[in-house]
Structures are given as C-alpha cells and as structure tokens.
Amino acid sequence: MIDLDAGTVVIRRKQRRRLVGVDPDTGRKRWELVEDDQLKTRGSKATLALPEMVVVVLREHKARQDAARAAAPVWHDDGLVFTTSTGRGIQPRNVNRWWDRVCADAGVHRTRVHDLRHTSATLLFRAGVDLNEIRALLRHTRIATTADIYIDVLEDVRGGTAASMDTVLGRLASSTRPAVTECDDGQGGAEVSEG
C-alpha cells in the first residue's frame, strides 16, 4: 500500500507466478499471478519512507493511471500501483522485457531488474549512508547479508577510507611530536622553529 501524502510504502504481500496448467492445444504452460502473504523473512514486512522525488513521480503515474481507468472499457481494480492497460497485475517477464529495452535504449549492458537493489545499496553506501540503514531499507534480517552480498565497495570509497585513516594517523602523530611554529624573520619570510 502506498500513502503519497505520508510519503510511505507498506510492504505486506508479494505477487508471484503460479503454474495453473498446460494449454491442451499448444502444450504451453499457463501461469497466473497470485498474491502471497508469505514474504521471505519477518523483516520483509515493513513501512518504508519514499524519497520526495519518487512521490512526485508516483503522483504523475497515478494521474495517468486514473485517466487510463476512465478511458478503459474494462478495468479490473485490484488496487495495484503498476498495472496493464486493463488494471491487471503485470507479468514479471513483461517487466523484464521492458527493462531490457530501457537498457538497450540507454546503450548500457543488460542487467537484471533485481540488480537495481545491489546498485542502490552500493550507491547509498558510497554516499555515506550507515550500513544498518541500508540493511533496513533492503529489509535484511542480518547486517552481514547486506555487507557480504550487496555492497560493492567502489575504488573511490576505498581511497576515501585510506584518506580518512591517513587523517586520523596524522593527528595521532602530530600530538606526539614537538610543536612547530612559524615566526616572521622581518624580511617577509618565515623561519620555522621548534618550540
């Protein structure tokens, strides 16, 4: 459930594909989308805050969806945010096909939709977001899962870590050395003396 006024999304259920049979004429498997209250972990159920930018995009999407609902000869109102042109749930394979086109149009190598979680976690970590906050966002039970599986520490993050350690070590080293002061030599130059 999404509350655009509060800027939150509540995760309580998931949709999954279920095999319902085989078409006797074509031999092709037939699938349907079903809702399932059994999420992966207890931590999967959550209320998440949405970034304001996402709220704006979702409001625009809702306006388009309301117009599509009004124009459709048949609309199945299942209360879904992302639907087909008749209000039904979108088959995962169709989302994947759409995403493949987005990647191709952008000129980037193909990735899975699920890889966006990995990318988001990495970018948040790079931006300095606390690992425990990222864990909560991804709804992992253990912080080790987040750290081990989803965080690719980028080279510049590693460099930033080394620079931070350099700063800390520099402060420690300077506190144990004699103080260094500058004094004016009267001719515009500086003379360094230890005090």
N, C-alpha and C. Protein backbone atom coordinates (compact mmCIF):
# COMPACT_ATOMS: atom_id res chain seq x y z
N MET A 1 0.85 -1.17 0.00
CA MET A 1 0.00 0.00 0.00
C MET A 1 0.90 1.24 0.00
N ILE A 2 0.55 2.21 -0.83
CA ILE A 2 1.31 3.45 -0.90
C ILE A 2 0.46 4.60 -0.37
N ASP A 3 1.03 5.40 0.51
CA ASP A 3 0.40 6.61 1.01
C ASP A 3 1.24 7.78 0.53
N LEU A 4 0.79 8.43 -0.55
CA LEU A 4 1.57 9.50 -1.14
C LEU A 4 1.60 10.74 -0.25
N ASP A 5 0.55 10.96 0.55
CA ASP A 5 0.54 12.11 1.45
C ASP A 5 1.58 11.93 2.56
N ALA A 6 1.70 10.71 3.07
CA ALA A 6 2.69 10.44 4.11
C ALA A 6 4.07 10.16 3.51
N GLY A 7 4.10 9.85 2.22
CA GLY A 7 5.37 9.53 1.57
C GLY A 7 5.92 8.19 2.01
N THR A 8 5.01 7.19 2.14
CA THR A 8 5.44 5.86 2.59
C THR A 8 4.86 4.76 1.71
N VAL A 9 5.52 3.63 1.74
CA VAL A 9 5.00 2.42 1.11
C VAL A 9 5.06 1.33 2.18
N VAL A 10 3.97 0.56 2.27
CA VAL A 10 3.88 -0.53 3.23
C VAL A 10 4.02 -1.84 2.46
N ILE A 11 5.01 -2.63 2.84
CA ILE A 11 5.24 -3.93 2.21
C ILE A 11 4.60 -4.99 3.11
N ARG A 12 3.56 -5.64 2.60
CA ARG A 12 2.87 -6.67 3.37
C ARG A 12 2.67 -7.96 2.58
N ARG A 13 2.62 -7.86 1.26
CA ARG A 13 2.37 -9.03 0.41
C ARG A 13 3.29 -8.97 -0.79
N LYS A 14 3.34 -10.07 -1.52
CA LYS A 14 4.09 -10.10 -2.76
C LYS A 14 3.22 -10.78 -3.82
N GLN A 15 3.59 -10.56 -5.06
CA GLN A 15 2.95 -11.29 -6.14
C GLN A 15 3.96 -12.28 -6.68
N ARG A 16 3.47 -13.42 -7.07
CA ARG A 16 4.33 -14.42 -7.68
C ARG A 16 3.53 -15.15 -8.76
N ARG A 17 4.27 -15.78 -9.66
CA ARG A 17 3.63 -16.56 -10.71
C ARG A 17 3.38 -17.97 -10.21
N ARG A 18 2.21 -18.50 -10.58
CA ARG A 18 1.85 -19.88 -10.22
C ARG A 18 1.41 -20.60 -11.48
N LEU A 19 1.94 -21.79 -11.68
CA LEU A 19 1.56 -22.60 -12.82
C LEU A 19 0.13 -23.09 -12.62
N VAL A 20 -0.73 -22.84 -13.61
CA VAL A 20 -2.13 -23.26 -13.48
C VAL A 20 -2.50 -24.38 -14.43
N GLY A 21 -1.58 -24.74 -15.30
CA GLY A 21 -1.87 -25.85 -16.21
C GLY A 21 -1.13 -25.70 -17.52
N VAL A 22 -1.50 -26.57 -18.43
CA VAL A 22 -0.89 -26.58 -19.75
C VAL A 22 -2.02 -26.48 -20.77
N ASP A 23 -1.85 -25.58 -21.72
CA ASP A 23 -2.85 -25.42 -22.78
C ASP A 23 -2.86 -26.70 -23.61
N PRO A 24 -4.02 -27.38 -23.71
CA PRO A 24 -4.06 -28.66 -24.43
C PRO A 24 -3.81 -28.51 -25.93
N ASP A 25 -4.10 -27.35 -26.49
CA ASP A 25 -3.91 -27.15 -27.93
C ASP A 25 -2.46 -26.84 -28.28
N THR A 26 -1.79 -26.04 -27.45
CA THR A 26 -0.43 -25.60 -27.79
C THR A 26 0.65 -26.30 -26.98
N GLY A 27 0.28 -26.88 -25.85
CA GLY A 27 1.27 -27.50 -24.99
C GLY A 27 2.05 -26.49 -24.15
N ARG A 28 1.67 -25.22 -24.25
CA ARG A 28 2.37 -24.18 -23.48
C ARG A 28 1.84 -24.11 -22.06
N LYS A 29 2.77 -23.85 -21.14
CA LYS A 29 2.38 -23.70 -19.74
C LYS A 29 1.58 -22.41 -19.58
N ARG A 30 0.59 -22.46 -18.70
CA ARG A 30 -0.20 -21.27 -18.39
C ARG A 30 0.07 -20.88 -16.94
N TRP A 31 0.27 -19.59 -16.77
CA TRP A 31 0.62 -19.05 -15.46
C TRP A 31 -0.39 -18.00 -15.06
N GLU A 32 -0.49 -17.77 -13.75
CA GLU A 32 -1.29 -16.65 -13.25
C GLU A 32 -0.53 -15.99 -12.12
N LEU A 33 -0.83 -14.73 -11.90
CA LEU A 33 -0.24 -14.01 -10.77
C LEU A 33 -1.14 -14.21 -9.56
N VAL A 34 -0.52 -14.52 -8.44
CA VAL A 34 -1.27 -14.67 -7.19
C VAL A 34 -0.58 -13.84 -6.12
N GLU A 35 -1.38 -13.36 -5.18
CA GLU A 35 -0.81 -12.63 -4.05
C GLU A 35 -0.48 -13.61 -2.95
N ASP A 36 0.59 -13.29 -2.24
CA ASP A 36 1.08 -14.19 -1.21
C ASP A 36 1.49 -13.35 -0.01
N ASP A 37 0.97 -13.72 1.17
CA ASP A 37 1.33 -13.03 2.41
C ASP A 37 2.64 -13.57 2.99
N GLN A 38 3.13 -14.68 2.46
CA GLN A 38 4.34 -15.30 2.98
C GLN A 38 5.56 -14.65 2.33
N LEU A 39 6.10 -13.64 2.99
CA LEU A 39 7.29 -12.98 2.49
C LEU A 39 8.52 -13.76 2.92
N LYS A 40 9.66 -13.39 2.38
CA LYS A 40 10.89 -14.15 2.58
C LYS A 40 11.29 -14.24 4.05
N THR A 41 11.23 -13.11 4.77
CA THR A 41 11.60 -13.10 6.19
C THR A 41 10.61 -12.23 6.96
N ARG A 42 10.66 -12.31 8.29
CA ARG A 42 9.84 -11.41 9.11
C ARG A 42 10.17 -9.95 8.82
N GLY A 43 11.46 -9.69 8.56
CA GLY A 43 11.89 -8.33 8.29
C GLY A 43 11.45 -7.80 6.94
N SER A 44 10.92 -8.69 6.10
CA SER A 44 10.47 -8.25 4.78
C SER A 44 9.25 -7.34 4.88
N LYS A 45 8.41 -7.58 5.89
CA LYS A 45 7.25 -6.72 6.09
C LYS A 45 7.74 -5.42 6.72
N ALA A 46 7.43 -4.31 6.07
CA ALA A 46 7.98 -3.05 6.56
C ALA A 46 7.21 -1.87 6.00
N THR A 47 7.36 -0.74 6.66
CA THR A 47 6.89 0.54 6.14
C THR A 47 8.14 1.34 5.81
N LEU A 48 8.27 1.72 4.54
CA LEU A 48 9.45 2.43 4.07
C LEU A 48 9.12 3.85 3.68
N ALA A 49 10.01 4.76 3.99
CA ALA A 49 9.85 6.15 3.57
C ALA A 49 10.28 6.27 2.11
N LEU A 50 9.52 7.03 1.34
CA LEU A 50 9.84 7.25 -0.06
C LEU A 50 10.54 8.59 -0.24
N PRO A 51 11.56 8.64 -1.07
CA PRO A 51 12.17 9.93 -1.38
C PRO A 51 11.13 10.84 -2.05
N GLU A 52 11.20 12.12 -1.80
CA GLU A 52 10.23 13.07 -2.37
C GLU A 52 10.16 12.97 -3.88
N MET A 53 11.30 12.77 -4.52
CA MET A 53 11.34 12.64 -5.97
C MET A 53 10.47 11.46 -6.44
N VAL A 54 10.50 10.36 -5.69
CA VAL A 54 9.69 9.19 -6.02
C VAL A 54 8.21 9.50 -5.82
N VAL A 55 7.88 10.23 -4.77
CA VAL A 55 6.49 10.61 -4.52
C VAL A 55 5.95 11.43 -5.70
N VAL A 56 6.74 12.37 -6.19
CA VAL A 56 6.33 13.19 -7.33
C VAL A 56 6.07 12.32 -8.56
N VAL A 57 6.98 11.40 -8.84
CA VAL A 57 6.82 10.50 -10.00
C VAL A 57 5.59 9.62 -9.82
N LEU A 58 5.36 9.12 -8.61
CA LEU A 58 4.19 8.27 -8.37
C LEU A 58 2.88 9.04 -8.49
N ARG A 59 2.89 10.31 -8.10
CA ARG A 59 1.68 11.14 -8.29
C ARG A 59 1.38 11.31 -9.79
N GLU A 60 2.43 11.54 -10.58
CA GLU A 60 2.25 11.66 -12.03
C GLU A 60 1.74 10.34 -12.61
N HIS A 61 2.29 9.24 -12.15
CA HIS A 61 1.86 7.91 -12.61
C HIS A 61 0.39 7.67 -12.26
N LYS A 62 0.00 8.04 -11.04
CA LYS A 62 -1.39 7.86 -10.60
C LYS A 62 -2.34 8.66 -11.48
N ALA A 63 -1.98 9.87 -11.84
CA ALA A 63 -2.83 10.69 -12.71
C ALA A 63 -3.00 10.01 -14.08
N ARG A 64 -1.91 9.47 -14.63
CA ARG A 64 -2.00 8.75 -15.91
C ARG A 64 -2.85 7.49 -15.76
N GLN A 65 -2.69 6.80 -14.66
CA GLN A 65 -3.45 5.57 -14.43
C GLN A 65 -4.94 5.88 -14.25
N ASP A 66 -5.25 6.96 -13.55
CA ASP A 66 -6.66 7.36 -13.38
C ASP A 66 -7.29 7.67 -14.74
N ALA A 67 -6.54 8.33 -15.62
CA ALA A 67 -7.04 8.63 -16.97
C ALA A 67 -7.24 7.35 -17.76
N ALA A 68 -6.31 6.40 -17.64
CA ALA A 68 -6.43 5.11 -18.34
C ALA A 68 -7.64 4.34 -17.82
N ARG A 69 -7.86 4.39 -16.51
CA ARG A 69 -9.01 3.71 -15.90
C ARG A 69 -10.31 4.29 -16.44
N ALA A 70 -10.38 5.61 -16.52
CA ALA A 70 -11.60 6.27 -17.01
C ALA A 70 -11.86 5.95 -18.49
N ALA A 71 -10.81 5.77 -19.27
CA ALA A 71 -10.96 5.53 -20.71
C ALA A 71 -11.13 4.05 -21.05
N ALA A 72 -10.79 3.16 -20.14
CA ALA A 72 -10.81 1.72 -20.44
C ALA A 72 -12.24 1.17 -20.46
N PRO A 73 -12.56 0.37 -21.47
CA PRO A 73 -13.88 -0.26 -21.48
C PRO A 73 -14.04 -1.26 -20.33
N VAL A 74 -12.94 -1.89 -19.93
CA VAL A 74 -12.95 -2.83 -18.81
C VAL A 74 -11.74 -2.52 -17.94
N TRP A 75 -11.96 -2.41 -16.63
CA TRP A 75 -10.85 -2.17 -15.71
C TRP A 75 -11.03 -3.07 -14.49
N HIS A 76 -10.03 -3.83 -14.18
CA HIS A 76 -10.04 -4.70 -13.00
C HIS A 76 -9.29 -3.97 -11.90
N ASP A 77 -10.03 -3.45 -10.93
CA ASP A 77 -9.39 -2.66 -9.88
C ASP A 77 -8.94 -3.56 -8.75
N ASP A 78 -7.69 -4.02 -8.87
CA ASP A 78 -7.11 -4.88 -7.83
C ASP A 78 -6.30 -4.07 -6.83
N GLY A 79 -6.33 -2.73 -6.97
CA GLY A 79 -5.61 -1.87 -6.04
C GLY A 79 -4.11 -1.85 -6.27
N LEU A 80 -3.68 -2.22 -7.46
CA LEU A 80 -2.26 -2.26 -7.77
C LEU A 80 -1.78 -0.90 -8.27
N VAL A 81 -0.52 -0.61 -8.03
CA VAL A 81 0.07 0.65 -8.47
C VAL A 81 0.50 0.56 -9.93
N PHE A 82 1.14 -0.53 -10.29
CA PHE A 82 1.60 -0.73 -11.67
C PHE A 82 0.79 -1.86 -12.28
N THR A 83 0.11 -1.55 -13.38
CA THR A 83 -0.82 -2.49 -13.97
C THR A 83 -0.71 -2.52 -15.50
N THR A 84 -1.44 -3.46 -16.07
CA THR A 84 -1.62 -3.48 -17.52
C THR A 84 -2.65 -2.40 -17.88
N SER A 85 -2.96 -2.30 -19.15
CA SER A 85 -3.95 -1.30 -19.59
C SER A 85 -5.36 -1.61 -19.14
N THR A 86 -5.56 -2.79 -18.53
CA THR A 86 -6.89 -3.14 -18.02
C THR A 86 -6.91 -3.25 -16.49
N GLY A 87 -5.82 -2.85 -15.83
CA GLY A 87 -5.79 -2.84 -14.38
C GLY A 87 -5.28 -4.12 -13.74
N ARG A 88 -4.92 -5.09 -14.54
CA ARG A 88 -4.39 -6.36 -14.01
C ARG A 88 -2.91 -6.22 -13.65
N GLY A 89 -2.43 -7.17 -12.85
CA GLY A 89 -1.01 -7.19 -12.49
C GLY A 89 -0.15 -7.47 -13.72
N ILE A 90 1.04 -6.93 -13.71
CA ILE A 90 1.97 -7.10 -14.83
C ILE A 90 2.78 -8.38 -14.61
N GLN A 91 2.83 -9.22 -15.64
CA GLN A 91 3.63 -10.44 -15.56
C GLN A 91 5.11 -10.07 -15.44
N PRO A 92 5.85 -10.72 -14.55
CA PRO A 92 7.27 -10.41 -14.37
C PRO A 92 8.07 -10.45 -15.67
N ARG A 93 7.78 -11.39 -16.55
CA ARG A 93 8.55 -11.48 -17.80
C ARG A 93 8.35 -10.23 -18.65
N ASN A 94 7.16 -9.59 -18.54
CA ASN A 94 6.93 -8.36 -19.29
C ASN A 94 7.70 -7.19 -18.70
N VAL A 95 7.86 -7.18 -17.38
CA VAL A 95 8.70 -6.16 -16.74
C VAL A 95 10.14 -6.34 -17.21
N ASN A 96 10.60 -7.59 -17.25
CA ASN A 96 11.96 -7.88 -17.70
C ASN A 96 12.17 -7.45 -19.15
N ARG A 97 11.20 -7.71 -20.00
CA ARG A 97 11.31 -7.30 -21.41
C ARG A 97 11.39 -5.78 -21.52
N TRP A 98 10.55 -5.08 -20.74
CA TRP A 98 10.58 -3.62 -20.74
C TRP A 98 11.95 -3.12 -20.28
N TRP A 99 12.48 -3.72 -19.20
CA TRP A 99 13.76 -3.30 -18.66
C TRP A 99 14.88 -3.54 -19.67
N ASP A 100 14.81 -4.66 -20.38
CA ASP A 100 15.82 -4.94 -21.41
C ASP A 100 15.82 -3.84 -22.48
N ARG A 101 14.64 -3.36 -22.85
CA ARG A 101 14.55 -2.27 -23.85
C ARG A 101 15.13 -0.97 -23.27
N VAL A 102 14.86 -0.70 -22.01
CA VAL A 102 15.41 0.50 -21.37
C VAL A 102 16.94 0.45 -21.41
N CYS A 103 17.51 -0.70 -21.05
CA CYS A 103 18.98 -0.86 -21.07
C CYS A 103 19.51 -0.68 -22.49
N ALA A 104 18.85 -1.29 -23.47
CA ALA A 104 19.30 -1.19 -24.87
C ALA A 104 19.22 0.25 -25.35
N ASP A 105 18.12 0.94 -25.05
CA ASP A 105 17.96 2.33 -25.47
C ASP A 105 19.00 3.25 -24.83
N ALA A 106 19.40 2.91 -23.61
CA ALA A 106 20.39 3.72 -22.89
C ALA A 106 21.82 3.37 -23.31
N GLY A 107 21.96 2.28 -24.07
CA GLY A 107 23.29 1.87 -24.52
C GLY A 107 24.15 1.26 -23.42
N VAL A 108 23.49 0.65 -22.43
CA VAL A 108 24.23 0.00 -21.35
C VAL A 108 24.04 -1.51 -21.45
N HIS A 109 24.97 -2.26 -20.86
CA HIS A 109 24.83 -3.72 -20.93
C HIS A 109 23.61 -4.16 -20.14
N ARG A 110 23.06 -5.28 -20.53
CA ARG A 110 21.85 -5.80 -19.91
C ARG A 110 22.13 -6.18 -18.46
N THR A 111 21.24 -5.78 -17.59
CA THR A 111 21.29 -6.21 -16.20
C THR A 111 19.90 -6.72 -15.83
N ARG A 112 19.82 -7.38 -14.71
CA ARG A 112 18.51 -7.84 -14.24
C ARG A 112 17.85 -6.71 -13.43
N VAL A 113 16.54 -6.71 -13.40
CA VAL A 113 15.81 -5.72 -12.60
C VAL A 113 16.25 -5.85 -11.14
N HIS A 114 16.42 -7.07 -10.68
CA HIS A 114 16.83 -7.31 -9.29
C HIS A 114 18.19 -6.68 -8.97
N ASP A 115 19.03 -6.52 -10.00
CA ASP A 115 20.35 -5.91 -9.78
C ASP A 115 20.24 -4.46 -9.33
N LEU A 116 19.08 -3.83 -9.53
CA LEU A 116 18.89 -2.45 -9.08
C LEU A 116 19.00 -2.34 -7.56
N ARG A 117 18.63 -3.39 -6.84
CA ARG A 117 18.80 -3.40 -5.38
C ARG A 117 20.27 -3.29 -5.03
N HIS A 118 21.06 -4.09 -5.72
CA HIS A 118 22.51 -4.12 -5.50
C HIS A 118 23.12 -2.75 -5.79
N THR A 119 22.73 -2.17 -6.91
CA THR A 119 23.24 -0.86 -7.30
C THR A 119 22.83 0.20 -6.28
N SER A 120 21.57 0.17 -5.86
CA SER A 120 21.08 1.15 -4.89
C SER A 120 21.86 1.06 -3.58
N ALA A 121 22.06 -0.16 -3.10
CA ALA A 121 22.80 -0.35 -1.85
C ALA A 121 24.22 0.18 -1.99
N THR A 122 24.85 -0.10 -3.11
CA THR A 122 26.23 0.36 -3.32
C THR A 122 26.29 1.88 -3.37
N LEU A 123 25.36 2.51 -4.09
CA LEU A 123 25.36 3.97 -4.19
C LEU A 123 25.07 4.63 -2.85
N LEU A 124 24.16 4.04 -2.07
CA LEU A 124 23.87 4.59 -0.75
C LEU A 124 25.10 4.48 0.16
N PHE A 125 25.76 3.33 0.10
CA PHE A 125 26.96 3.14 0.90
C PHE A 125 28.03 4.15 0.50
N ARG A 126 28.18 4.34 -0.80
CA ARG A 126 29.16 5.30 -1.33
C ARG A 126 28.85 6.72 -0.86
N ALA A 127 27.55 7.03 -0.72
CA ALA A 127 27.14 8.36 -0.30
C ALA A 127 27.27 8.55 1.22
N GLY A 128 27.71 7.50 1.92
CA GLY A 128 27.93 7.63 3.35
C GLY A 128 26.76 7.21 4.22
N VAL A 129 25.75 6.58 3.65
CA VAL A 129 24.61 6.11 4.44
C VAL A 129 25.07 4.94 5.30
N ASP A 130 24.65 4.95 6.54
CA ASP A 130 25.02 3.91 7.50
C ASP A 130 24.58 2.54 7.00
N LEU A 131 25.43 1.55 7.13
CA LEU A 131 25.15 0.20 6.64
C LEU A 131 23.89 -0.38 7.28
N ASN A 132 23.63 -0.07 8.54
CA ASN A 132 22.42 -0.57 9.18
C ASN A 132 21.16 0.03 8.57
N GLU A 133 21.23 1.29 8.15
CA GLU A 133 20.10 1.92 7.47
C GLU A 133 19.85 1.25 6.11
N ILE A 134 20.92 0.92 5.42
CA ILE A 134 20.79 0.22 4.13
C ILE A 134 20.18 -1.15 4.36
N ARG A 135 20.61 -1.84 5.41
CA ARG A 135 20.04 -3.15 5.77
C ARG A 135 18.54 -3.04 5.97
N ALA A 136 18.11 -2.01 6.71
CA ALA A 136 16.69 -1.82 6.97
C ALA A 136 15.92 -1.54 5.68
N LEU A 137 16.49 -0.73 4.82
CA LEU A 137 15.85 -0.41 3.54
C LEU A 137 15.67 -1.66 2.69
N LEU A 138 16.70 -2.50 2.65
CA LEU A 138 16.64 -3.73 1.86
C LEU A 138 15.87 -4.83 2.59
N ARG A 139 15.53 -4.58 3.86
CA ARG A 139 14.77 -5.50 4.70
C ARG A 139 15.49 -6.82 4.93
N HIS A 140 16.81 -6.71 5.14
CA HIS A 140 17.58 -7.89 5.50
C HIS A 140 17.48 -8.11 7.00
N THR A 141 17.49 -9.36 7.40
CA THR A 141 17.46 -9.68 8.82
C THR A 141 18.80 -9.38 9.47
N ARG A 142 19.88 -9.72 8.76
CA ARG A 142 21.23 -9.56 9.32
C ARG A 142 22.02 -8.54 8.51
N ILE A 143 22.78 -7.72 9.21
CA ILE A 143 23.61 -6.71 8.54
C ILE A 143 24.70 -7.38 7.70
N ALA A 144 25.12 -8.58 8.11
CA ALA A 144 26.16 -9.31 7.37
C ALA A 144 25.68 -9.63 5.95
N THR A 145 24.40 -9.90 5.80
CA THR A 145 23.86 -10.18 4.46
C THR A 145 24.04 -8.96 3.58
N THR A 146 23.71 -7.81 4.11
CA THR A 146 23.85 -6.57 3.35
C THR A 146 25.31 -6.34 2.98
N ALA A 147 26.18 -6.48 3.94
CA ALA A 147 27.59 -6.20 3.71
C ALA A 147 28.21 -7.21 2.74
N ASP A 148 27.91 -8.48 2.94
CA ASP A 148 28.55 -9.53 2.15
C ASP A 148 28.02 -9.63 0.73
N ILE A 149 26.73 -9.45 0.56
CA ILE A 149 26.13 -9.71 -0.75
C ILE A 149 25.92 -8.45 -1.58
N TYR A 150 25.49 -7.36 -0.96
CA TYR A 150 25.02 -6.24 -1.75
C TYR A 150 25.96 -5.06 -1.88
N ILE A 151 26.98 -4.98 -1.05
CA ILE A 151 27.83 -3.79 -1.09
C ILE A 151 29.10 -4.07 -1.86
N ASP A 152 29.22 -3.49 -3.03
CA ASP A 152 30.48 -3.49 -3.77
C ASP A 152 31.18 -2.21 -3.36
N VAL A 153 32.28 -2.35 -2.61
CA VAL A 153 32.99 -1.16 -2.18
C VAL A 153 33.76 -0.63 -3.38
N LEU A 154 33.36 0.54 -3.84
CA LEU A 154 33.97 1.13 -5.02
C LEU A 154 35.38 1.62 -4.71
N GLU A 155 36.19 1.71 -5.76
CA GLU A 155 37.59 2.11 -5.59
C GLU A 155 37.72 3.46 -4.89
N ASP A 156 36.86 4.42 -5.25
CA ASP A 156 36.99 5.73 -4.61
C ASP A 156 36.55 5.69 -3.15
N VAL A 157 35.65 4.75 -2.79
CA VAL A 157 35.28 4.59 -1.39
C VAL A 157 36.48 4.04 -0.63
N ARG A 158 37.15 3.06 -1.23
CA ARG A 158 38.35 2.52 -0.59
C ARG A 158 39.40 3.61 -0.42
N GLY A 159 39.56 4.43 -1.45
CA GLY A 159 40.51 5.54 -1.37
C GLY A 159 40.11 6.52 -0.28
N GLY A 160 38.80 6.77 -0.14
CA GLY A 160 38.31 7.66 0.91
C GLY A 160 38.57 7.10 2.29
N THR A 161 38.44 5.78 2.42
CA THR A 161 38.74 5.13 3.69
C THR A 161 40.21 5.29 4.03
N ALA A 162 41.08 5.09 3.04
CA ALA A 162 42.52 5.25 3.27
C ALA A 162 42.84 6.69 3.65
N ALA A 163 42.21 7.65 2.97
CA ALA A 163 42.45 9.07 3.27
C ALA A 163 41.99 9.40 4.69
N SER A 164 40.84 8.84 5.10
CA SER A 164 40.35 9.08 6.46
C SER A 164 41.32 8.52 7.49
N MET A 165 41.84 7.33 7.22
CA MET A 165 42.80 6.73 8.14
C MET A 165 44.08 7.56 8.19
N ASP A 166 44.49 8.09 7.05
CA ASP A 166 45.66 8.96 6.98
C ASP A 166 45.46 10.19 7.87
N THR A 167 44.28 10.77 7.84
CA THR A 167 43.96 11.94 8.66
C THR A 167 44.05 11.59 10.14
N VAL A 168 43.46 10.45 10.51
CA VAL A 168 43.48 10.02 11.91
C VAL A 168 44.92 9.78 12.36
N LEU A 169 45.68 9.05 11.54
CA LEU A 169 47.07 8.77 11.91
C LEU A 169 47.90 10.06 11.96
N GLY A 170 47.62 10.99 11.05
CA GLY A 170 48.31 12.27 11.06
C GLY A 170 48.07 13.03 12.35
N ARG A 171 46.83 13.03 12.83
CA ARG A 171 46.51 13.70 14.09
C ARG A 171 47.23 13.05 15.26
N LEU A 172 47.24 11.71 15.26
CA LEU A 172 47.92 10.99 16.34
C LEU A 172 49.42 11.29 16.33
N ALA A 173 50.00 11.29 15.14
CA ALA A 173 51.44 11.54 15.03
C ALA A 173 51.77 12.96 15.47
N SER A 174 50.95 13.94 15.09
CA SER A 174 51.25 15.33 15.43
C SER A 174 51.09 15.59 16.92
N SER A 175 50.25 14.82 17.59
CA SER A 175 50.08 15.05 19.03
C SER A 175 51.27 14.51 19.82
N THR A 176 52.10 13.68 19.23
CA THR A 176 53.25 13.14 19.94
C THR A 176 54.55 13.83 19.56
N ARG A 177 54.52 14.72 18.53
CA ARG A 177 55.72 15.45 18.11
C ARG A 177 55.76 16.81 18.77
N PRO A 178 56.97 17.41 18.85
CA PRO A 178 57.05 18.77 19.38
C PRO A 178 56.30 19.73 18.46
N ALA A 179 55.75 20.78 19.03
CA ALA A 179 55.01 21.76 18.25
C ALA A 179 55.93 22.49 17.30
N VAL A 180 55.46 22.80 16.12
CA VAL A 180 56.21 23.56 15.13
C VAL A 180 55.51 24.89 14.96
N THR A 181 56.29 26.01 15.05
CA THR A 181 55.70 27.33 14.91
C THR A 181 56.43 28.10 13.85
N GLU A 182 55.77 29.07 13.27
CA GLU A 182 56.41 29.96 12.30
C GLU A 182 56.59 31.31 12.97
N CYS A 183 57.74 31.93 12.71
CA CYS A 183 57.94 33.29 13.21
C CYS A 183 58.48 34.14 12.07
N ASP A 184 58.10 35.39 12.05
CA ASP A 184 58.49 36.31 10.98
C ASP A 184 59.95 36.68 11.15
N ASP A 185 60.72 36.61 10.05
CA ASP A 185 62.15 36.95 10.13
C ASP A 185 62.39 38.43 9.85
N GLY A 186 61.31 39.23 9.73
CA GLY A 186 61.45 40.65 9.49
C GLY A 186 61.65 41.01 8.04
N GLN A 187 61.83 40.07 7.16
CA GLN A 187 62.05 40.37 5.76
C GLN A 187 61.00 39.69 4.89
N GLY A 188 59.81 39.41 5.43
CA GLY A 188 58.72 38.84 4.65
C GLY A 188 58.79 37.34 4.54
N GLY A 189 59.81 36.74 5.06
CA GLY A 189 59.93 35.28 5.01
C GLY A 189 59.56 34.68 6.34
N ALA A 190 59.49 33.41 6.39
CA ALA A 190 59.14 32.76 7.64
C ALA A 190 60.28 31.83 8.03
N GLU A 191 60.51 31.76 9.29
CA GLU A 191 61.54 30.89 9.80
C GLU A 191 60.84 29.86 10.68
N VAL A 192 61.15 28.62 10.49
CA VAL A 192 60.49 27.57 11.26
C VAL A 192 61.34 27.26 12.46
N SER A 193 60.70 27.24 13.61
CA SER A 193 61.44 26.89 14.82
C SER A 193 60.60 25.92 15.62
N GLU A 194 61.30 25.05 16.30
CA GLU A 194 60.56 24.10 17.15
C GLU A 194 60.46 24.71 18.55
N GLY A 195 59.25 24.60 19.11
CA GLY A 195 59.05 25.25 20.38
C GLY A 195 58.89 24.35 21.51
